[in-house]
Amino acid sequence: MDDELIAAAELGEQARKFLESDLGRMLVGLADQEADLAQEALAVVSPTDTGKITELQNQVKVGRWFTQWLNELVLEGDQSLQVFRQQQESNE
């Protein structure tokens, strides 16, 4: 159990560092921009063009998922670190 908590905490810290890095900020920005552009296109696409609607909806989802996945890794890492510390304190 400790190994899993430590691994999750380390992965969360790596995700945090990535989000804070130039590359991470750039990719999150590009993902957000892609999602925003697709959402704007959804507003003007023909309601009968179901293929295009589906394609644009998927672009929005993927753009949002990218940032969400990274944020979830950070949160899970923080929670795992907190649980690990609590376990260590209770074992003392």
N, C-alpha and C. Protein backbone atom coordinates (compact mmCIF):
# COMPACT_ATOMS: atom_id res chain seq x y z
N MET A 1 0.83 -1.20 0.00
CA MET A 1 0.00 0.00 0.00
C MET A 1 0.87 1.26 0.00
N ASP A 2 1.93 1.26 0.82
CA ASP A 2 2.81 2.43 0.86
C ASP A 2 3.44 2.70 -0.49
N ASP A 3 3.85 1.64 -1.18
CA ASP A 3 4.47 1.82 -2.50
C ASP A 3 3.50 2.48 -3.48
N GLU A 4 2.23 2.09 -3.42
CA GLU A 4 1.23 2.68 -4.31
C GLU A 4 1.01 4.16 -3.98
N LEU A 5 0.97 4.47 -2.69
CA LEU A 5 0.79 5.86 -2.28
C LEU A 5 1.98 6.72 -2.71
N ILE A 6 3.17 6.18 -2.51
CA ILE A 6 4.38 6.92 -2.90
C ILE A 6 4.43 7.11 -4.41
N ALA A 7 4.09 6.07 -5.15
CA ALA A 7 4.08 6.17 -6.62
C ALA A 7 3.07 7.21 -7.09
N ALA A 8 1.89 7.22 -6.49
CA ALA A 8 0.86 8.20 -6.86
C ALA A 8 1.30 9.61 -6.50
N ALA A 9 1.94 9.75 -5.35
CA ALA A 9 2.43 11.07 -4.92
C ALA A 9 3.52 11.56 -5.87
N GLU A 10 4.42 10.68 -6.26
CA GLU A 10 5.50 11.06 -7.19
C GLU A 10 4.94 11.43 -8.56
N LEU A 11 3.98 10.65 -9.03
CA LEU A 11 3.36 10.95 -10.32
C LEU A 11 2.63 12.29 -10.27
N GLY A 12 1.96 12.54 -9.18
CA GLY A 12 1.28 13.82 -9.01
C GLY A 12 2.26 14.98 -9.02
N GLU A 13 3.40 14.80 -8.38
CA GLU A 13 4.42 15.86 -8.37
C GLU A 13 5.00 16.07 -9.76
N GLN A 14 5.18 14.98 -10.50
CA GLN A 14 5.66 15.12 -11.88
C GLN A 14 4.64 15.87 -12.74
N ALA A 15 3.36 15.58 -12.54
CA ALA A 15 2.30 16.27 -13.28
C ALA A 15 2.29 17.75 -12.91
N ARG A 16 2.47 18.06 -11.62
CA ARG A 16 2.50 19.44 -11.17
C ARG A 16 3.68 20.20 -11.83
N LYS A 17 4.84 19.57 -11.82
CA LYS A 17 6.01 20.19 -12.43
C LYS A 17 5.80 20.39 -13.94
N PHE A 18 5.17 19.41 -14.58
CA PHE A 18 4.88 19.53 -16.01
C PHE A 18 3.94 20.71 -16.26
N LEU A 19 2.88 20.82 -15.45
CA LEU A 19 1.94 21.92 -15.62
C LEU A 19 2.60 23.28 -15.40
N GLU A 20 3.61 23.32 -14.54
CA GLU A 20 4.31 24.57 -14.25
C GLU A 20 5.41 24.87 -15.26
N SER A 21 5.77 23.88 -16.06
CA SER A 21 6.86 24.07 -17.02
C SER A 21 6.38 24.84 -18.25
N ASP A 22 7.33 25.37 -19.00
CA ASP A 22 6.97 26.06 -20.24
C ASP A 22 6.23 25.13 -21.20
N LEU A 23 6.74 23.91 -21.33
CA LEU A 23 6.10 22.93 -22.22
C LEU A 23 4.69 22.61 -21.75
N GLY A 24 4.51 22.40 -20.47
CA GLY A 24 3.20 22.09 -19.93
C GLY A 24 2.22 23.22 -20.15
N ARG A 25 2.65 24.44 -19.85
CA ARG A 25 1.76 25.60 -20.05
C ARG A 25 1.41 25.75 -21.52
N MET A 26 2.39 25.50 -22.39
CA MET A 26 2.15 25.61 -23.83
C MET A 26 1.13 24.57 -24.29
N LEU A 27 1.30 23.33 -23.87
CA LEU A 27 0.38 22.27 -24.30
C LEU A 27 -1.02 22.45 -23.72
N VAL A 28 -1.10 22.87 -22.47
CA VAL A 28 -2.42 23.14 -21.89
C VAL A 28 -3.08 24.29 -22.64
N GLY A 29 -2.31 25.31 -22.96
CA GLY A 29 -2.84 26.43 -23.74
C GLY A 29 -3.33 26.00 -25.10
N LEU A 30 -2.56 25.14 -25.77
CA LEU A 30 -2.97 24.64 -27.08
C LEU A 30 -4.22 23.78 -26.99
N ALA A 31 -4.29 22.94 -25.95
CA ALA A 31 -5.47 22.09 -25.76
C ALA A 31 -6.70 22.95 -25.50
N ASP A 32 -6.54 23.97 -24.65
CA ASP A 32 -7.67 24.88 -24.37
C ASP A 32 -8.09 25.62 -25.64
N GLN A 33 -7.10 26.07 -26.39
CA GLN A 33 -7.39 26.80 -27.62
C GLN A 33 -8.13 25.90 -28.61
N GLU A 34 -7.69 24.67 -28.75
CA GLU A 34 -8.32 23.72 -29.66
C GLU A 34 -9.78 23.48 -29.24
N ALA A 35 -9.99 23.32 -27.94
CA ALA A 35 -11.35 23.09 -27.44
C ALA A 35 -12.22 24.33 -27.67
N ASP A 36 -11.66 25.50 -27.43
CA ASP A 36 -12.42 26.74 -27.64
C ASP A 36 -12.79 26.94 -29.10
N LEU A 37 -11.85 26.66 -29.99
CA LEU A 37 -12.12 26.80 -31.43
C LEU A 37 -13.19 25.82 -31.89
N ALA A 38 -13.11 24.61 -31.39
CA ALA A 38 -14.12 23.60 -31.75
C ALA A 38 -15.49 24.00 -31.20
N GLN A 39 -15.51 24.57 -30.00
CA GLN A 39 -16.78 24.99 -29.43
C GLN A 39 -17.38 26.15 -30.24
N GLU A 40 -16.54 27.06 -30.68
CA GLU A 40 -17.02 28.15 -31.53
C GLU A 40 -17.57 27.61 -32.85
N ALA A 41 -16.89 26.61 -33.42
CA ALA A 41 -17.34 26.02 -34.67
C ALA A 41 -18.68 25.31 -34.50
N LEU A 42 -18.88 24.74 -33.31
CA LEU A 42 -20.16 24.07 -33.03
C LEU A 42 -21.34 25.04 -33.12
N ALA A 43 -21.08 26.29 -32.79
CA ALA A 43 -22.15 27.28 -32.79
C ALA A 43 -22.65 27.60 -34.20
N VAL A 44 -21.82 27.33 -35.20
CA VAL A 44 -22.20 27.72 -36.57
C VAL A 44 -22.34 26.53 -37.52
N VAL A 45 -22.05 25.33 -37.05
CA VAL A 45 -22.15 24.16 -37.92
C VAL A 45 -23.63 23.86 -38.19
N SER A 46 -23.88 23.36 -39.35
CA SER A 46 -25.26 23.00 -39.72
C SER A 46 -25.78 21.92 -38.77
N PRO A 47 -26.97 22.09 -38.23
CA PRO A 47 -27.52 21.09 -37.31
C PRO A 47 -27.77 19.74 -37.97
N THR A 48 -27.76 19.71 -39.30
CA THR A 48 -27.97 18.43 -39.99
C THR A 48 -26.65 17.71 -40.26
N ASP A 49 -25.53 18.37 -40.03
CA ASP A 49 -24.22 17.77 -40.29
C ASP A 49 -23.73 17.03 -39.03
N THR A 50 -24.35 15.88 -38.80
CA THR A 50 -24.07 15.13 -37.56
C THR A 50 -22.63 14.66 -37.48
N GLY A 51 -22.03 14.34 -38.61
CA GLY A 51 -20.63 13.92 -38.61
C GLY A 51 -19.72 15.02 -38.11
N LYS A 52 -19.93 16.23 -38.60
CA LYS A 52 -19.12 17.37 -38.18
C LYS A 52 -19.39 17.73 -36.73
N ILE A 53 -20.63 17.64 -36.32
CA ILE A 53 -20.98 17.92 -34.92
C ILE A 53 -20.25 16.96 -33.99
N THR A 54 -20.29 15.69 -34.33
CA THR A 54 -19.60 14.68 -33.52
C THR A 54 -18.10 14.94 -33.49
N GLU A 55 -17.52 15.26 -34.63
CA GLU A 55 -16.08 15.55 -34.70
C GLU A 55 -15.72 16.74 -33.80
N LEU A 56 -16.50 17.79 -33.87
CA LEU A 56 -16.23 18.98 -33.06
C LEU A 56 -16.43 18.71 -31.58
N GLN A 57 -17.46 17.95 -31.25
CA GLN A 57 -17.69 17.59 -29.84
C GLN A 57 -16.51 16.80 -29.29
N ASN A 58 -15.98 15.89 -30.10
CA ASN A 58 -14.82 15.11 -29.67
C ASN A 58 -13.59 15.99 -29.48
N GLN A 59 -13.41 16.98 -30.34
CA GLN A 59 -12.28 17.90 -30.19
C GLN A 59 -12.39 18.69 -28.88
N VAL A 60 -13.59 19.12 -28.57
CA VAL A 60 -13.80 19.83 -27.30
C VAL A 60 -13.46 18.92 -26.13
N LYS A 61 -13.98 17.70 -26.17
CA LYS A 61 -13.76 16.75 -25.07
C LYS A 61 -12.28 16.47 -24.87
N VAL A 62 -11.57 16.16 -25.94
CA VAL A 62 -10.16 15.80 -25.82
C VAL A 62 -9.35 16.97 -25.28
N GLY A 63 -9.65 18.16 -25.75
CA GLY A 63 -8.95 19.34 -25.25
C GLY A 63 -9.16 19.54 -23.77
N ARG A 64 -10.38 19.35 -23.34
CA ARG A 64 -10.69 19.52 -21.91
C ARG A 64 -10.14 18.35 -21.08
N TRP A 65 -10.20 17.15 -21.63
CA TRP A 65 -9.71 15.97 -20.90
C TRP A 65 -8.23 16.09 -20.59
N PHE A 66 -7.45 16.60 -21.53
CA PHE A 66 -6.01 16.69 -21.35
C PHE A 66 -5.68 17.43 -20.05
N THR A 67 -6.25 18.61 -19.91
CA THR A 67 -5.99 19.41 -18.70
C THR A 67 -6.59 18.73 -17.48
N GLN A 68 -7.76 18.17 -17.63
CA GLN A 68 -8.43 17.50 -16.51
C GLN A 68 -7.59 16.32 -16.00
N TRP A 69 -7.05 15.54 -16.92
CA TRP A 69 -6.24 14.38 -16.50
C TRP A 69 -5.02 14.83 -15.69
N LEU A 70 -4.37 15.87 -16.16
CA LEU A 70 -3.19 16.35 -15.44
C LEU A 70 -3.57 16.88 -14.07
N ASN A 71 -4.65 17.66 -14.00
CA ASN A 71 -5.09 18.18 -12.71
C ASN A 71 -5.51 17.07 -11.76
N GLU A 72 -6.13 16.03 -12.29
CA GLU A 72 -6.52 14.89 -11.46
C GLU A 72 -5.30 14.15 -10.91
N LEU A 73 -4.25 14.04 -11.72
CA LEU A 73 -3.02 13.41 -11.26
C LEU A 73 -2.41 14.21 -10.10
N VAL A 74 -2.42 15.53 -10.23
CA VAL A 74 -1.89 16.38 -9.16
C VAL A 74 -2.72 16.18 -7.89
N LEU A 75 -4.02 16.22 -8.02
CA LEU A 75 -4.91 16.06 -6.86
C LEU A 75 -4.74 14.69 -6.21
N GLU A 76 -4.68 13.66 -7.04
CA GLU A 76 -4.50 12.30 -6.51
C GLU A 76 -3.16 12.18 -5.80
N GLY A 77 -2.14 12.80 -6.36
CA GLY A 77 -0.83 12.79 -5.72
C GLY A 77 -0.85 13.47 -4.37
N ASP A 78 -1.51 14.63 -4.30
CA ASP A 78 -1.62 15.35 -3.03
C ASP A 78 -2.36 14.52 -1.99
N GLN A 79 -3.45 13.87 -2.41
CA GLN A 79 -4.23 13.05 -1.50
C GLN A 79 -3.43 11.84 -1.03
N SER A 80 -2.69 11.23 -1.95
CA SER A 80 -1.87 10.07 -1.59
C SER A 80 -0.78 10.45 -0.60
N LEU A 81 -0.17 11.60 -0.81
CA LEU A 81 0.86 12.07 0.10
C LEU A 81 0.28 12.33 1.49
N GLN A 82 -0.90 12.90 1.53
CA GLN A 82 -1.56 13.16 2.81
C GLN A 82 -1.88 11.85 3.53
N VAL A 83 -2.40 10.87 2.81
CA VAL A 83 -2.70 9.57 3.42
C VAL A 83 -1.43 8.90 3.90
N PHE A 84 -0.37 8.96 3.11
CA PHE A 84 0.92 8.36 3.49
C PHE A 84 1.44 9.00 4.78
N ARG A 85 1.38 10.32 4.85
CA ARG A 85 1.86 11.02 6.05
C ARG A 85 1.03 10.65 7.26
N GLN A 86 -0.29 10.54 7.09
CA GLN A 86 -1.15 10.15 8.20
C GLN A 86 -0.82 8.75 8.69
N GLN A 87 -0.54 7.85 7.74
CA GLN A 87 -0.18 6.48 8.11
C GLN A 87 1.15 6.47 8.86
N GLN A 88 2.08 7.27 8.41
CA GLN A 88 3.39 7.32 9.08
C GLN A 88 3.25 7.88 10.50
N GLU A 89 2.42 8.89 10.66
CA GLU A 89 2.20 9.47 11.99
C GLU A 89 1.53 8.48 12.93
N SER A 90 0.59 7.70 12.40
CA SER A 90 -0.13 6.73 13.24
C SER A 90 0.77 5.55 13.59
N ASN A 91 1.81 5.30 12.79
CA ASN A 91 2.74 4.19 13.07
C ASN A 91 3.82 4.59 14.06
N GLU A 92 3.92 5.86 14.35
CA GLU A 92 4.99 6.31 15.27
C GLU A 92 4.61 6.11 16.71
